[in-house]
Amino acid sequence: MCRNIHTLHNFEPAATSEEVHAAALQYVRKIAGTTKPSKANQDAFERAVHEIAHITQHLLDDMVATTPPKNREEEAAKARARAVRSGRYATA
């Protein structure tokens, strides 16, 4: 139904508001059991996404990291390599 929600804490550069919103949207979709709410539920759905994104940003802003920030590009390359090894990613 939806993509996995990725870790947003302790990366350089820090998570963007778009990434926080995308994670909130994925969370609400998973909880609601739908990728697109009915018109009757649209306002509640959008309000939940907004509120979860807002509190998620506060959480990320308030958390303290005890390790150096991870590099986004390096972590993405590691994830791709794991996917290739597991057979989930076809190579061209």
N, C-alpha and C. Protein backbone atom coordinates (compact mmCIF):
# COMPACT_ATOMS: atom_id res chain seq x y z
N MET A 1 0.82 -1.20 0.00
CA MET A 1 0.00 0.00 0.00
C MET A 1 0.86 1.26 0.00
N CYS A 2 1.91 1.28 0.78
CA CYS A 2 2.72 2.49 0.81
C CYS A 2 4.19 2.13 1.00
N ARG A 3 5.02 3.07 0.69
CA ARG A 3 6.45 2.88 0.87
C ARG A 3 6.78 2.80 2.36
N ASN A 4 7.96 2.30 2.64
CA ASN A 4 8.41 2.27 4.02
C ASN A 4 8.72 3.70 4.47
N ILE A 5 8.50 3.96 5.72
CA ILE A 5 8.88 5.26 6.29
C ILE A 5 10.35 5.15 6.66
N HIS A 6 11.15 6.09 6.22
CA HIS A 6 12.58 6.05 6.44
C HIS A 6 12.97 6.88 7.65
N THR A 7 14.11 6.52 8.26
CA THR A 7 14.65 7.29 9.37
C THR A 7 14.99 8.70 8.89
N LEU A 8 14.63 9.68 9.68
CA LEU A 8 14.89 11.08 9.32
C LEU A 8 15.87 11.75 10.28
N HIS A 9 16.15 11.11 11.39
CA HIS A 9 17.00 11.71 12.42
C HIS A 9 18.49 11.47 12.14
N ASN A 10 19.27 12.48 12.41
CA ASN A 10 20.74 12.43 12.39
C ASN A 10 21.32 12.20 11.00
N PHE A 11 20.82 12.96 10.05
CA PHE A 11 21.37 12.95 8.70
C PHE A 11 21.88 14.33 8.35
N GLU A 12 22.87 14.36 7.48
CA GLU A 12 23.39 15.62 6.97
C GLU A 12 23.26 15.57 5.46
N PRO A 13 22.56 16.45 4.84
CA PRO A 13 21.78 17.53 5.45
C PRO A 13 20.54 16.99 6.17
N ALA A 14 20.02 17.82 7.05
CA ALA A 14 18.85 17.43 7.84
C ALA A 14 17.64 17.19 6.96
N ALA A 15 16.68 16.47 7.50
CA ALA A 15 15.45 16.17 6.77
C ALA A 15 14.75 17.46 6.37
N THR A 16 14.24 17.47 5.16
CA THR A 16 13.51 18.64 4.67
C THR A 16 12.05 18.56 5.12
N SER A 17 11.35 19.66 5.01
CA SER A 17 9.93 19.66 5.37
C SER A 17 9.15 18.73 4.44
N GLU A 18 9.61 18.58 3.20
CA GLU A 18 8.96 17.66 2.26
C GLU A 18 9.13 16.21 2.71
N GLU A 19 10.31 15.86 3.22
CA GLU A 19 10.54 14.50 3.72
C GLU A 19 9.71 14.23 4.96
N VAL A 20 9.60 15.21 5.83
CA VAL A 20 8.78 15.06 7.03
C VAL A 20 7.31 14.88 6.64
N HIS A 21 6.85 15.68 5.69
CA HIS A 21 5.46 15.57 5.22
C HIS A 21 5.22 14.21 4.58
N ALA A 22 6.16 13.74 3.77
CA ALA A 22 6.01 12.43 3.11
C ALA A 22 5.92 11.31 4.14
N ALA A 23 6.72 11.39 5.19
CA ALA A 23 6.67 10.37 6.24
C ALA A 23 5.33 10.42 6.97
N ALA A 24 4.85 11.62 7.25
CA ALA A 24 3.55 11.77 7.91
C ALA A 24 2.43 11.23 7.03
N LEU A 25 2.50 11.51 5.75
CA LEU A 25 1.50 11.02 4.82
C LEU A 25 1.50 9.49 4.78
N GLN A 26 2.67 8.88 4.73
CA GLN A 26 2.76 7.43 4.70
C GLN A 26 2.20 6.83 5.99
N TYR A 27 2.49 7.46 7.12
CA TYR A 27 1.97 6.99 8.40
C TYR A 27 0.45 7.03 8.42
N VAL A 28 -0.12 8.15 8.02
CA VAL A 28 -1.58 8.30 8.04
C VAL A 28 -2.22 7.32 7.05
N ARG A 29 -1.62 7.14 5.89
CA ARG A 29 -2.14 6.17 4.93
C ARG A 29 -2.17 4.76 5.53
N LYS A 30 -1.11 4.40 6.21
CA LYS A 30 -1.03 3.07 6.80
C LYS A 30 -2.07 2.90 7.91
N ILE A 31 -2.19 3.89 8.77
CA ILE A 31 -3.15 3.82 9.88
C ILE A 31 -4.58 3.81 9.36
N ALA A 32 -4.85 4.65 8.35
CA ALA A 32 -6.20 4.76 7.81
C ALA A 32 -6.56 3.58 6.91
N GLY A 33 -5.55 2.89 6.41
CA GLY A 33 -5.81 1.75 5.54
C GLY A 33 -6.20 2.15 4.13
N THR A 34 -5.84 3.35 3.73
CA THR A 34 -6.17 3.82 2.39
C THR A 34 -5.13 4.82 1.92
N THR A 35 -4.90 4.83 0.62
CA THR A 35 -3.97 5.82 0.07
C THR A 35 -4.71 7.10 -0.33
N LYS A 36 -6.02 6.98 -0.52
CA LYS A 36 -6.82 8.14 -0.87
C LYS A 36 -8.14 8.08 -0.11
N PRO A 37 -8.34 9.01 0.82
CA PRO A 37 -9.57 8.96 1.61
C PRO A 37 -10.78 9.40 0.79
N SER A 38 -11.94 9.02 1.27
CA SER A 38 -13.18 9.47 0.64
C SER A 38 -13.35 10.97 0.89
N LYS A 39 -14.23 11.60 0.15
CA LYS A 39 -14.48 13.04 0.35
C LYS A 39 -14.94 13.31 1.77
N ALA A 40 -15.69 12.39 2.34
CA ALA A 40 -16.18 12.56 3.71
C ALA A 40 -15.04 12.58 4.72
N ASN A 41 -13.93 11.89 4.41
CA ASN A 41 -12.81 11.80 5.34
C ASN A 41 -11.61 12.66 4.95
N GLN A 42 -11.69 13.37 3.85
CA GLN A 42 -10.56 14.13 3.33
C GLN A 42 -10.03 15.15 4.33
N ASP A 43 -10.90 15.93 4.95
CA ASP A 43 -10.44 16.95 5.89
C ASP A 43 -9.73 16.34 7.09
N ALA A 44 -10.31 15.28 7.65
CA ALA A 44 -9.68 14.62 8.80
C ALA A 44 -8.32 14.04 8.40
N PHE A 45 -8.25 13.43 7.22
CA PHE A 45 -7.01 12.85 6.72
C PHE A 45 -5.93 13.93 6.58
N GLU A 46 -6.25 15.02 5.91
CA GLU A 46 -5.29 16.10 5.70
C GLU A 46 -4.88 16.76 7.01
N ARG A 47 -5.82 16.91 7.93
CA ARG A 47 -5.51 17.49 9.24
C ARG A 47 -4.54 16.58 10.00
N ALA A 48 -4.77 15.27 9.93
CA ALA A 48 -3.88 14.33 10.61
C ALA A 48 -2.47 14.40 10.01
N VAL A 49 -2.36 14.44 8.70
CA VAL A 49 -1.05 14.54 8.06
C VAL A 49 -0.33 15.82 8.52
N HIS A 50 -1.05 16.92 8.51
CA HIS A 50 -0.46 18.20 8.93
C HIS A 50 0.02 18.14 10.38
N GLU A 51 -0.83 17.64 11.27
CA GLU A 51 -0.48 17.60 12.69
C GLU A 51 0.68 16.65 12.96
N ILE A 52 0.69 15.50 12.30
CA ILE A 52 1.78 14.54 12.50
C ILE A 52 3.08 15.09 11.94
N ALA A 53 3.04 15.75 10.79
CA ALA A 53 4.24 16.38 10.24
C ALA A 53 4.77 17.44 11.19
N HIS A 54 3.86 18.23 11.75
CA HIS A 54 4.25 19.30 12.68
C HIS A 54 4.95 18.72 13.92
N ILE A 55 4.36 17.73 14.54
CA ILE A 55 4.95 17.17 15.76
C ILE A 55 6.22 16.38 15.43
N THR A 56 6.28 15.78 14.25
CA THR A 56 7.49 15.07 13.84
C THR A 56 8.64 16.05 13.70
N GLN A 57 8.37 17.22 13.12
CA GLN A 57 9.43 18.22 12.98
C GLN A 57 9.92 18.67 14.36
N HIS A 58 8.99 18.85 15.31
CA HIS A 58 9.39 19.20 16.68
C HIS A 58 10.27 18.10 17.27
N LEU A 59 9.88 16.86 17.08
CA LEU A 59 10.67 15.74 17.59
C LEU A 59 12.08 15.77 17.02
N LEU A 60 12.19 15.91 15.70
CA LEU A 60 13.50 15.94 15.07
C LEU A 60 14.33 17.12 15.55
N ASP A 61 13.70 18.26 15.74
CA ASP A 61 14.41 19.46 16.21
C ASP A 61 14.92 19.29 17.64
N ASP A 62 14.17 18.55 18.46
CA ASP A 62 14.51 18.41 19.88
C ASP A 62 15.44 17.25 20.19
N MET A 63 15.56 16.28 19.29
CA MET A 63 16.40 15.11 19.56
C MET A 63 17.87 15.49 19.51
N VAL A 64 18.65 14.84 20.38
CA VAL A 64 20.08 15.05 20.45
C VAL A 64 20.76 13.79 19.93
N ALA A 65 21.69 13.97 19.01
CA ALA A 65 22.42 12.83 18.46
C ALA A 65 23.73 12.65 19.22
N THR A 66 24.07 11.40 19.50
CA THR A 66 25.33 11.11 20.20
C THR A 66 26.40 10.62 19.23
N THR A 67 26.01 10.46 17.96
CA THR A 67 26.96 10.04 16.93
C THR A 67 26.99 11.10 15.83
N PRO A 68 28.04 11.12 15.04
CA PRO A 68 28.09 12.09 13.93
C PRO A 68 26.95 11.83 12.94
N PRO A 69 26.47 12.88 12.27
CA PRO A 69 25.40 12.69 11.30
C PRO A 69 25.83 11.79 10.15
N LYS A 70 24.86 11.04 9.64
CA LYS A 70 25.11 10.16 8.49
C LYS A 70 24.96 10.96 7.21
N ASN A 71 25.72 10.55 6.20
CA ASN A 71 25.64 11.18 4.88
C ASN A 71 24.53 10.51 4.09
N ARG A 72 23.58 11.28 3.61
CA ARG A 72 22.43 10.73 2.89
C ARG A 72 22.83 9.91 1.67
N GLU A 73 23.76 10.42 0.88
CA GLU A 73 24.16 9.73 -0.34
C GLU A 73 24.85 8.40 -0.03
N GLU A 74 25.70 8.39 1.00
CA GLU A 74 26.38 7.15 1.38
C GLU A 74 25.37 6.12 1.88
N GLU A 75 24.42 6.54 2.68
CA GLU A 75 23.40 5.62 3.21
C GLU A 75 22.51 5.08 2.09
N ALA A 76 22.18 5.92 1.11
CA ALA A 76 21.37 5.47 -0.03
C ALA A 76 22.14 4.44 -0.85
N ALA A 77 23.44 4.65 -1.03
CA ALA A 77 24.27 3.70 -1.77
C ALA A 77 24.33 2.36 -1.04
N LYS A 78 24.45 2.40 0.29
CA LYS A 78 24.46 1.17 1.08
C LYS A 78 23.13 0.43 0.94
N ALA A 79 22.03 1.17 0.96
CA ALA A 79 20.70 0.55 0.82
C ALA A 79 20.54 -0.10 -0.55
N ARG A 80 21.03 0.57 -1.59
CA ARG A 80 20.96 -0.01 -2.93
C ARG A 80 21.79 -1.29 -3.01
N ALA A 81 22.97 -1.28 -2.41
CA ALA A 81 23.83 -2.46 -2.41
C ALA A 81 23.15 -3.62 -1.67
N ARG A 82 22.50 -3.33 -0.55
CA ARG A 82 21.78 -4.39 0.19
C ARG A 82 20.64 -4.95 -0.66
N ALA A 83 19.95 -4.07 -1.37
CA ALA A 83 18.83 -4.52 -2.22
C ALA A 83 19.33 -5.41 -3.34
N VAL A 84 20.47 -5.06 -3.93
CA VAL A 84 21.04 -5.88 -5.01
C VAL A 84 21.43 -7.26 -4.45
N ARG A 85 22.07 -7.28 -3.29
CA ARG A 85 22.48 -8.55 -2.69
C ARG A 85 21.29 -9.44 -2.34
N SER A 86 20.19 -8.82 -1.96
CA SER A 86 19.01 -9.61 -1.57
C SER A 86 18.16 -9.99 -2.76
N GLY A 87 18.49 -9.48 -3.94
CA GLY A 87 17.73 -9.81 -5.14
C GLY A 87 16.51 -8.95 -5.35
N ARG A 88 16.30 -7.92 -4.55
CA ARG A 88 15.14 -7.04 -4.70
C ARG A 88 15.36 -5.98 -5.76
N TYR A 89 16.56 -5.83 -6.22
CA TYR A 89 16.87 -4.76 -7.16
C TYR A 89 17.60 -5.38 -8.35
N ALA A 90 17.04 -5.24 -9.51
CA ALA A 90 17.64 -5.79 -10.71
C ALA A 90 18.70 -4.84 -11.23
N THR A 91 19.82 -5.38 -11.65
CA THR A 91 20.86 -4.55 -12.24
C THR A 91 20.74 -4.57 -13.74
N ALA A 92 21.10 -3.49 -14.37
CA ALA A 92 20.98 -3.39 -15.84
C ALA A 92 22.25 -3.83 -16.51
